[in-house]
PDB file of N, CA and C in Angstrom:
ATOM      1  N   MET A   1     127.501 150.510  80.199  1.00  0.00           N
ATOM      2  CA  MET A   1     127.501 151.167  79.067  1.00  0.00           C
ATOM      3  C   MET A   1     128.074 152.513  78.872  1.00  0.00           C
ATOM      4  N   GLY A   2     127.804 152.985  80.231  1.00  0.00           N
ATOM      5  CA  GLY A   2     128.253 154.229  80.695  1.00  0.00           C
ATOM      6  C   GLY A   2     129.793 154.595  80.490  1.00  0.00           C
ATOM      7  N   GLU A   3     130.326 153.552  81.094  1.00  0.00           N
ATOM      8  CA  GLU A   3     131.611 153.665  80.851  1.00  0.00           C
ATOM      9  C   GLU A   3     132.642 153.835  79.758  1.00  0.00           C
ATOM     10  N   GLU A   4     131.801 152.861  78.806  1.00  0.00           N
ATOM     11  CA  GLU A   4     132.167 152.903  77.329  1.00  0.00           C
ATOM     12  C   GLU A   4     131.993 154.544  76.916  1.00  0.00           C
ATOM     13  N   LEU A   5     130.516 154.874  77.206  1.00  0.00           N
ATOM     14  CA  LEU A   5     130.538 156.238  76.579  1.00  0.00           C
ATOM     15  C   LEU A   5     131.539 157.325  76.937  1.00  0.00           C
ATOM     16  N   PHE A   6     131.361 157.317  78.311  1.00  0.00           N
ATOM     17  CA  PHE A   6     132.333 158.730  78.863  1.00  0.00           C
ATOM     18  C   PHE A   6     133.957 157.869  78.253  1.00  0.00           C
ATOM     19  N   SER A   7     134.529 156.939  78.400  1.00  0.00           N
ATOM     20  CA  SER A   7     135.843 156.941  77.884  1.00  0.00           C
ATOM     21  C   SER A   7     136.186 156.766  76.739  1.00  0.00           C
ATOM     22  N   ILE A   8     135.106 156.602  75.421  1.00  0.00           N
ATOM     23  CA  ILE A   8     135.178 156.637  73.872  1.00  0.00           C
ATOM     24  C   ILE A   8     135.087 158.414  73.641  1.00  0.00           C
ATOM     25  N   ASP A   9     134.160 158.785  74.235  1.00  0.00           N
ATOM     26  CA  ASP A   9     133.949 160.042  74.152  1.00  0.00           C
ATOM     27  C   ASP A   9     135.315 160.693  74.418  1.00  0.00           C
ATOM     28  N   ILE A  10     135.888 160.715  75.905  1.00  0.00           N
ATOM     29  CA  ILE A  10     137.170 161.441  76.032  1.00  0.00           C
ATOM     30  C   ILE A  10     138.377 160.800  74.942  1.00  0.00           C
ATOM     31  N   LEU A  11     138.766 159.680  74.599  1.00  0.00           N
ATOM     32  CA  LEU A  11     139.281 159.226  73.940  1.00  0.00           C
ATOM     33  C   LEU A  11     139.414 159.765  72.328  1.00  0.00           C
ATOM     34  N   GLU A  12     137.809 159.723  71.916  1.00  0.00           N
ATOM     35  CA  GLU A  12     137.765 160.780  70.674  1.00  0.00           C
ATOM     36  C   GLU A  12     138.247 162.121  70.978  1.00  0.00           C
ATOM     37  N   ILE A  13     138.069 163.061  71.815  1.00  0.00           N
ATOM     38  CA  ILE A  13     138.000 164.076  72.201  1.00  0.00           C
ATOM     39  C   ILE A  13     139.493 164.394  72.023  1.00  0.00           C
ATOM     40  N   LEU A  14     140.337 163.814  72.853  1.00  0.00           N
ATOM     41  CA  LEU A  14     141.534 163.572  73.174  1.00  0.00           C
ATOM     42  C   LEU A  14     142.263 163.482  71.571  1.00  0.00           C
ATOM     43  N   ARG A  15     142.108 162.158  71.080  1.00  0.00           N
ATOM     44  CA  ARG A  15     142.621 161.994  69.603  1.00  0.00           C
ATOM     45  C   ARG A  15     143.035 163.060  69.024  1.00  0.00           C
ATOM     46  N   LYS A  16     142.029 163.512  68.655  1.00  0.00           N
ATOM     47  CA  LYS A  16     141.802 164.705  67.770  1.00  0.00           C
ATOM     48  C   LYS A  16     142.800 166.087  68.037  1.00  0.00           C
ATOM     49  N   LYS A  17     143.466 165.934  69.207  1.00  0.00           N
ATOM     50  CA  LYS A  17     144.498 166.969  69.795  1.00  0.00           C
ATOM     51  C   LYS A  17     145.627 166.640  70.109  1.00  0.00           C
ATOM     52  N   ILE A  18     145.786 165.230  70.716  1.00  0.00           N
ATOM     53  CA  ILE A  18     147.141 164.864  71.506  1.00  0.00           C
ATOM     54  C   ILE A  18     147.389 163.588  70.391  1.00  0.00           C
ATOM     55  N   GLY A  19     148.318 163.208  70.832  1.00  0.00           N
ATOM     56  CA  GLY A  19     148.807 161.534  70.197  1.00  0.00           C
ATOM     57  C   GLY A  19     148.718 160.660  71.205  1.00  0.00           C
ATOM     58  N   PHE A  20     148.488 160.746  72.442  1.00  0.00           N
ATOM     59  CA  PHE A  20     148.722 160.107  73.692  1.00  0.00           C
ATOM     60  C   PHE A  20     147.441 159.897  74.266  1.00  0.00           C
ATOM     61  N   ALA A  21     146.097 159.961  73.434  1.00  0.00           N
ATOM     62  CA  ALA A  21     144.896 159.804  74.085  1.00  0.00           C
ATOM     63  C   ALA A  21     144.776 158.698  74.938  1.00  0.00           C
ATOM     64  N   THR A  22     145.087 157.938  74.310  1.00  0.00           N
ATOM     65  CA  THR A  22     144.477 156.232  75.111  1.00  0.00           C
ATOM     66  C   THR A  22     145.241 156.015  76.333  1.00  0.00           C
ATOM     67  N   LEU A  23     146.322 156.797  76.465  1.00  0.00           N
ATOM     68  CA  LEU A  23     147.156 156.676  77.740  1.00  0.00           C
ATOM     69  C   LEU A  23     146.575 157.627  78.815  1.00  0.00           C
ATOM     70  N   ILE A  24     145.830 158.575  78.416  1.00  0.00           N
ATOM     71  CA  ILE A  24     144.878 159.239  79.198  1.00  0.00           C
ATOM     72  C   ILE A  24     143.618 158.922  79.869  1.00  0.00           C
ATOM     73  N   THR A  25     143.155 158.067  78.843  1.00  0.00           N
ATOM     74  CA  THR A  25     141.950 157.502  78.979  1.00  0.00           C
ATOM     75  C   THR A  25     142.037 156.035  79.730  1.00  0.00           C
ATOM     76  N   VAL A  26     143.624 155.596  79.908  1.00  0.00           N
ATOM     77  CA  VAL A  26     143.989 154.737  80.669  1.00  0.00           C
ATOM     78  C   VAL A  26     143.719 154.822  82.306  1.00  0.00           C
ATOM     79  N   ILE A  27     144.257 156.181  82.297  1.00  0.00           N
ATOM     80  CA  ILE A  27     144.257 156.938  83.662  1.00  0.00           C
ATOM     81  C   ILE A  27     143.110 157.066  84.232  1.00  0.00           C
ATOM     82  N   ILE A  28     142.074 158.141  83.291  1.00  0.00           N
ATOM     83  CA  ILE A  28     141.068 158.178  83.814  1.00  0.00           C
ATOM     84  C   ILE A  28     140.232 157.111  84.131  1.00  0.00           C
ATOM     85  N   PHE A  29     139.988 156.166  83.161  1.00  0.00           N
ATOM     86  CA  PHE A  29     139.230 154.976  83.601  1.00  0.00           C
ATOM     87  C   PHE A  29     139.985 154.127  84.946  1.00  0.00           C
ATOM     88  N   GLY A  30     140.872 154.005  85.064  1.00  0.00           N
ATOM     89  CA  GLY A  30     141.735 153.489  86.353  1.00  0.00           C
ATOM     90  C   GLY A  30     141.125 154.512  87.429  1.00  0.00           C
ATOM     91  N   ILE A  31     141.338 155.664  87.862  1.00  0.00           N
ATOM     92  CA  ILE A  31     140.974 156.592  88.638  1.00  0.00           C
ATOM     93  C   ILE A  31     139.753 156.402  89.100  1.00  0.00           C
ATOM     94  N   CYS A  32     138.781 156.434  87.841  1.00  0.00           N
ATOM     95  CA  CYS A  32     137.325 156.328  88.244  1.00  0.00           C
ATOM     96  C   CYS A  32     137.035 155.049  88.790  1.00  0.00           C
ATOM     97  N   HIS A  33     137.987 153.742  88.996  1.00  0.00           N
ATOM     98  CA  HIS A  33     137.574 152.668  89.773  1.00  0.00           C
ATOM     99  C   HIS A  33     138.535 152.771  91.032  1.00  0.00           C
ATOM    100  N   PHE A  34     138.964 153.748  91.673  1.00  0.00           N
ATOM    101  CA  PHE A  34     139.387 153.941  92.803  1.00  0.00           C
ATOM    102  C   PHE A  34     138.300 153.640  94.063  1.00  0.00           C
ATOM    103  N   ASN A  35     137.333 154.325  93.794  1.00  0.00           N
ATOM    104  CA  ASN A  35     136.299 153.937  95.387  1.00  0.00           C
ATOM    105  C   ASN A  35     135.690 152.824  95.397  1.00  0.00           C
ATOM    106  N   THR A  36     135.798 151.934  94.097  1.00  0.00           N
ATOM    107  CA  THR A  36     135.535 150.649  93.950  1.00  0.00           C
ATOM    108  C   THR A  36     136.480 149.593  94.362  1.00  0.00           C
ATOM    109  N   TYR A  37     137.833 149.927  94.508  1.00  0.00           N
ATOM    110  CA  TYR A  37     138.861 148.908  94.588  1.00  0.00           C
ATOM    111  C   TYR A  37     139.526 149.482  96.074  1.00  0.00           C
ATOM    112  N   ASP A  38     138.775 150.577  96.602  1.00  0.00           N
ATOM    113  CA  ASP A  38     139.851 151.165  97.699  1.00  0.00           C
ATOM    114  C   ASP A  38     140.353 150.180  98.801  1.00  0.00           C
ATOM    115  N   SER A  39     141.553 150.092  98.978  1.00  0.00           N
ATOM    116  CA  SER A  39     141.789 148.749 100.056  1.00  0.00           C
ATOM    117  C   SER A  39     142.426 149.683 101.157  1.00  0.00           C
ATOM    118  N   GLY A  40     142.303 150.913 101.263  1.00  0.00           N
ATOM    119  CA  GLY A  40     142.533 151.778 102.559  1.00  0.00           C
ATOM    120  C   GLY A  40     144.186 152.102 102.597  1.00  0.00           C
ATOM    121  N   ASN A  41     144.982 151.486 101.405  1.00  0.00           N
ATOM    122  CA  ASN A  41     146.224 152.067 100.954  1.00  0.00           C
ATOM    123  C   ASN A  41     146.218 152.559  99.564  1.00  0.00           C
ATOM    124  N   ILE A  42     146.157 154.050  99.657  1.00  0.00           N
ATOM    125  CA  ILE A  42     146.145 155.039  98.467  1.00  0.00           C
ATOM    126  C   ILE A  42     147.060 154.440  97.227  1.00  0.00           C
ATOM    127  N   LEU A  43     148.425 154.429  97.632  1.00  0.00           N
ATOM    128  CA  LEU A  43     149.246 154.178  96.853  1.00  0.00           C
ATOM    129  C   LEU A  43     149.256 152.661  96.230  1.00  0.00           C
ATOM    130  N   GLN A  44     148.736 151.634  96.932  1.00  0.00           N
ATOM    131  CA  GLN A  44     148.266 150.359  96.500  1.00  0.00           C
ATOM    132  C   GLN A  44     146.998 150.380  95.393  1.00  0.00           C
ATOM    133  N   THR A  45     146.107 151.105  96.047  1.00  0.00           N
ATOM    134  CA  THR A  45     144.984 151.102  95.044  1.00  0.00           C
ATOM    135  C   THR A  45     145.198 151.881  94.005  1.00  0.00           C
ATOM    136  N   ILE A  46     146.061 152.662  93.718  1.00  0.00           N
ATOM    137  CA  ILE A  46     146.003 153.523  92.734  1.00  0.00           C
ATOM    138  C   ILE A  46     147.084 152.540  91.472  1.00  0.00           C
ATOM    139  N   ILE A  47     147.991 151.885  92.108  1.00  0.00           N
ATOM    140  CA  ILE A  47     148.866 150.819  91.148  1.00  0.00           C
ATOM    141  C   ILE A  47     147.597 149.555  90.697  1.00  0.00           C
ATOM    142  N   GLN A  48     146.771 149.227  91.614  1.00  0.00           N
ATOM    143  CA  GLN A  48     146.056 148.445  91.076  1.00  0.00           C
ATOM    144  C   GLN A  48     144.846 148.533  90.076  1.00  0.00           C
ATOM    145  N   VAL A  49     144.432 149.517  90.152  1.00  0.00           N
ATOM    146  CA  VAL A  49     143.668 150.383  89.425  1.00  0.00           C
ATOM    147  C   VAL A  49     144.213 150.855  88.233  1.00  0.00           C
ATOM    148  N   LEU A  50     145.236 151.246  88.027  1.00  0.00           N
ATOM    149  CA  LEU A  50     146.017 151.584  86.656  1.00  0.00           C
ATOM    150  C   LEU A  50     146.305 150.361  86.023  1.00  0.00           C
ATOM    151  N   LEU A  51     147.047 149.358  86.712  1.00  0.00           N
ATOM    152  CA  LEU A  51     147.349 148.039  86.393  1.00  0.00           C
ATOM    153  C   LEU A  51     146.184 147.060  85.710  1.00  0.00           C
ATOM    154  N   ILE A  52     145.196 147.173  86.204  1.00  0.00           N
ATOM    155  CA  ILE A  52     144.373 146.049  86.068  1.00  0.00           C
ATOM    156  C   ILE A  52     143.005 146.840  85.141  1.00  0.00           C
ATOM    157  N   GLN A  53     142.296 147.706  85.775  1.00  0.00           N
ATOM    158  CA  GLN A  53     141.339 148.263  85.236  1.00  0.00           C
ATOM    159  C   GLN A  53     142.019 149.190  83.818  1.00  0.00           C
ATOM    160  N   GLY A  54     143.239 149.848  84.087  1.00  0.00           N
ATOM    161  CA  GLY A  54     143.876 150.891  82.762  1.00  0.00           C
ATOM    162  C   GLY A  54     143.905 149.902  81.980  1.00  0.00           C
ATOM    163  N   ALA A  55     144.711 148.370  82.250  1.00  0.00           N
ATOM    164  CA  ALA A  55     145.213 147.584  81.502  1.00  0.00           C
ATOM    165  C   ALA A  55     144.062 147.016  80.503  1.00  0.00           C
ATOM    166  N   ALA A  56     142.408 146.785  81.344  1.00  0.00           N
ATOM    167  CA  ALA A  56     141.566 146.499  80.602  1.00  0.00           C
ATOM    168  C   ALA A  56     140.830 147.591  79.613  1.00  0.00           C
ATOM    169  N   ARG A  57     141.361 148.782  80.111  1.00  0.00           N
ATOM    170  CA  ARG A  57     140.985 149.987  79.062  1.00  0.00           C
ATOM    171  C   ARG A  57     141.834 150.011  78.000  1.00  0.00           C
ATOM    172  N   LEU A  58     143.007 149.797  78.172  1.00  0.00           N
ATOM    173  CA  LEU A  58     143.659 149.527  76.570  1.00  0.00           C
ATOM    174  C   LEU A  58     143.116 148.659  75.841  1.00  0.00           C
ATOM    175  N   ILE A  59     142.447 147.478  76.022  1.00  0.00           N
ATOM    176  CA  ILE A  59     142.128 146.292  75.302  1.00  0.00           C
ATOM    177  C   ILE A  59     140.449 146.878  74.696  1.00  0.00           C
ATOM    178  N   PHE A  60     139.735 147.496  75.426  1.00  0.00           N
ATOM    179  CA  PHE A  60     138.394 148.218  75.160  1.00  0.00           C
ATOM    180  C   PHE A  60     138.749 149.269  74.179  1.00  0.00           C
ATOM    181  N   ASN A  61     139.872 150.291  74.337  1.00  0.00           N
ATOM    182  CA  ASN A  61     140.021 151.160  73.356  1.00  0.00           C
ATOM    183  C   ASN A  61     140.565 150.713  71.824  1.00  0.00           C
ATOM    184  N   TYR A  62     141.387 149.491  71.921  1.00  0.00           N
ATOM    185  CA  TYR A  62     141.980 148.766  70.774  1.00  0.00           C
ATOM    186  C   TYR A  62     140.973 148.251  70.203  1.00  0.00           C
ATOM    187  N   ASP A  63     139.957 147.668  70.968  1.00  0.00           N
ATOM    188  CA  ASP A  63     138.614 146.824  70.203  1.00  0.00           C
ATOM    189  C   ASP A  63     137.891 148.056  69.644  1.00  0.00           C
ATOM    190  N   TYR A  64     137.640 149.121  70.124  1.00  0.00           N
ATOM    191  CA  TYR A  64     136.963 150.349  69.280  1.00  0.00           C
ATOM    192  C   TYR A  64     137.678 151.189  68.124  1.00  0.00           C
ATOM    193  N   LEU A  65     138.796 151.265  68.457  1.00  0.00           N
ATOM    194  CA  LEU A  65     139.805 152.020  67.463  1.00  0.00           C
ATOM    195  C   LEU A  65     140.022 150.826  66.216  1.00  0.00           C
ATOM    196  N   LYS A  66     140.225 149.509  66.279  1.00  0.00           N
ATOM    197  CA  LYS A  66     139.669 148.824  65.284  1.00  0.00           C
ATOM    198  C   LYS A  66     138.797 148.701  64.611  1.00  0.00           C
ATOM    199  N   THR A  67     137.425 148.680  65.292  1.00  0.00           N
ATOM    200  CA  THR A  67     136.274 148.473  64.671  1.00  0.00           C
ATOM    201  C   THR A  67     135.619 149.505  64.355  1.00  0.00           C
ATOM    202  N   LYS A  68     135.808 151.199  64.986  1.00  0.00           N
ATOM    203  CA  LYS A  68     135.033 151.822  65.266  1.00  0.00           C
ATOM    204  C   LYS A  68     133.577 151.941  65.903  1.00  0.00           C
ATOM    205  N   SER A  69     133.209 150.528  66.786  1.00  0.00           N
ATOM    206  CA  SER A  69     132.057 150.468  66.994  1.00  0.00           C
ATOM    207  C   SER A  69     132.296 150.420  68.505  1.00  0.00           C
ATOM    208  N   ILE A  70     131.318 151.182  68.985  1.00  0.00           N
ATOM    209  CA  ILE A  70     131.440 151.436  70.614  1.00  0.00           C
ATOM    210  C   ILE A  70     130.671 150.219  71.233  1.00  0.00           C
ATOM    211  N   TRP A  71     129.779 149.280  70.576  1.00  0.00           N
ATOM    212  CA  TRP A  71     129.189 148.144  71.005  1.00  0.00           C
ATOM    213  C   TRP A  71     130.301 146.990  70.740  1.00  0.00           C
ATOM    214  N   ILE A  72     130.941 146.918  70.191  1.00  0.00           N
ATOM    215  CA  ILE A  72     132.149 145.821  70.476  1.00  0.00           C
ATOM    216  C   ILE A  72     132.981 145.913  71.583  1.00  0.00           C
ATOM    217  N   SER A  73     133.325 146.949  71.866  1.00  0.00           N
ATOM    218  CA  SER A  73     133.742 147.403  72.748  1.00  0.00           C
ATOM    219  C   SER A  73     133.257 147.517  74.209  1.00  0.00           C
ATOM    220  N   TYR A  74     132.129 147.892  74.339  1.00  0.00           N
ATOM    221  CA  TYR A  74     130.984 147.450  75.011  1.00  0.00           C
ATOM    222  C   TYR A  74     130.961 145.989  75.486  1.00  0.00           C
ATOM    223  N   ILE A  75     130.621 145.339  74.565  1.00  0.00           N
ATOM    224  CA  ILE A  75     130.777 143.963  74.567  1.00  0.00           C
ATOM    225  C   ILE A  75     131.879 143.002  75.326  1.00  0.00           C
ATOM    226  N   ILE A  76     132.937 143.470  74.613  1.00  0.00           N
ATOM    227  CA  ILE A  76     134.199 142.910  75.256  1.00  0.00           C
ATOM    228  C   ILE A  76     134.361 143.513  76.704  1.00  0.00           C
ATOM    229  N   HIS A  77     133.850 144.595  77.194  1.00  0.00           N
ATOM    230  CA  HIS A  77     133.911 144.879  78.312  1.00  0.00           C
ATOM    231  C   HIS A  77     133.120 143.859  79.336  1.00  0.00           C
ATOM    232  N   LEU A  78     131.602 143.876  78.926  1.00  0.00           N
ATOM    233  CA  LEU A  78     130.755 142.882  79.781  1.00  0.00           C
ATOM    234  C   LEU A  78     131.244 141.628  79.715  1.00  0.00           C
ATOM    235  N   ILE A  79     131.747 140.825  78.850  1.00  0.00           N
ATOM    236  CA  ILE A  79     132.178 139.559  78.854  1.00  0.00           C
ATOM    237  C   ILE A  79     133.371 139.479  79.749  1.00  0.00           C
ATOM    238  N   PHE A  80     134.502 140.422  79.659  1.00  0.00           N
ATOM    239  CA  PHE A  80     135.744 140.724  81.149  1.00  0.00           C
ATOM    240  C   PHE A  80     134.557 140.834  82.154  1.00  0.00           C
ATOM    241  N   ASP A  81     134.270 141.793  82.258  1.00  0.00           N
ATOM    242  CA  ASP A  81     133.355 141.949  84.118  1.00  0.00           C
ATOM    243  C   ASP A  81     132.778 140.537  84.109  1.00  0.00           C
ATOM    244  N   LEU A  82     131.933 140.130  83.545  1.00  0.00           N
ATOM    245  CA  LEU A  82     130.987 138.423  84.021  1.00  0.00           C
ATOM    246  C   LEU A  82     132.367 137.661  84.037  1.00  0.00           C
ATOM    247  N   PHE A  83     133.197 137.403  83.210  1.00  0.00           N
ATOM    248  CA  PHE A  83     134.618 136.333  83.568  1.00  0.00           C
ATOM    249  C   PHE A  83     134.765 136.818  85.179  1.00  0.00           C
ATOM    250  N   PHE A  84     135.247 137.912  85.323  1.00  0.00           N
ATOM    251  CA  PHE A  84     135.948 138.170  86.705  1.00  0.00           C
ATOM    252  C   PHE A  84     134.781 137.728  87.656  1.00  0.00           C
ATOM    253  N   LEU A  85     133.722 138.497  87.502  1.00  0.00           N
ATOM    254  CA  LEU A  85     132.509 138.260  88.392  1.00  0.00           C
ATOM    255  C   LEU A  85     132.240 136.452  88.725  1.00  0.00           C
ATOM    256  N   PHE A  86     132.046 135.742  87.655  1.00  0.00           N
ATOM    257  CA  PHE A  86     131.774 134.786  87.817  1.00  0.00           C
ATOM    258  C   PHE A  86     132.622 133.479  87.646  1.00  0.00           C
ATOM    259  N   VAL A  87     133.339 133.539  86.975  1.00  0.00           N
ATOM    260  CA  VAL A  87     134.154 132.496  86.317  1.00  0.00           C
ATOM    261  C   VAL A  87     135.338 132.625  87.347  1.00  0.00           C
ATOM    262  N   ILE A  88     136.144 133.394  87.612  1.00  0.00           N
ATOM    263  CA  ILE A  88     136.935 133.400  88.592  1.00  0.00           C
ATOM    264  C   ILE A  88     136.778 132.879  89.754  1.00  0.00           C
ATOM    265  N   PRO A  89     135.767 133.452  90.571  1.00  0.00           N
ATOM    266  CA  PRO A  89     134.950 132.406  91.758  1.00  0.00           C
ATOM    267  C   PRO A  89     134.793 131.546  92.016  1.00  0.00           C
ATOM    268  N   ILE A  90     134.240 131.017  90.692  1.00  0.00           N
ATOM    269  CA  ILE A  90     134.002 129.780  90.600  1.00  0.00           C
ATOM    270  C   ILE A  90     135.126 128.747  90.387  1.00  0.00           C
ATOM    271  N   LEU A  91     136.209 129.246  89.716  1.00  0.00           N
ATOM    272  CA  LEU A  91     137.589 128.105  89.818  1.00  0.00           C
ATOM    273  C   LEU A  91     138.312 128.426  91.242  1.00  0.00           C
ATOM    274  N   LEU A  92     138.265 129.562  91.622  1.00  0.00           N
ATOM    275  CA  LEU A  92     138.921 129.368  92.944  1.00  0.00           C
ATOM    276  C   LEU A  92     138.415 128.312  93.933  1.00  0.00           C
ATOM    277  N   ASN A  93     137.037 128.440  93.825  1.00  0.00           N
ATOM    278  CA  ASN A  93     136.593 127.809  95.113  1.00  0.00           C
ATOM    279  C   ASN A  93     136.495 126.308  94.731  1.00  0.00           C
ATOM    280  N   LYS A  94     137.255 125.473  93.707  1.00  0.00           N
ATOM    281  CA  LYS A  94     137.523 124.188  93.324  1.00  0.00           C
ATOM    282  C   LYS A  94     138.402 123.927  94.300  1.00  0.00           C
TER     283      LYS A  94
END
């Protein structure tokens, strides 16, 4: 829920001031995941966190903006994380 509160707060603050708030939250959300996914190659890690985590933030932002509910965004985020934590490894081990 912390990531949602952080990202949605930034989104709401920036949305009132500039038109490309979602793009900025995508970049911030991706960069916040840098240490988690640091592969030792800075450029590769930046590309990965922006493409994967950033793309996920686009989905979460869309869900929030469509429903105006941080809970929907959080639930989608949780499902997304659980899918990649459990389902993908299970499928890859078969």
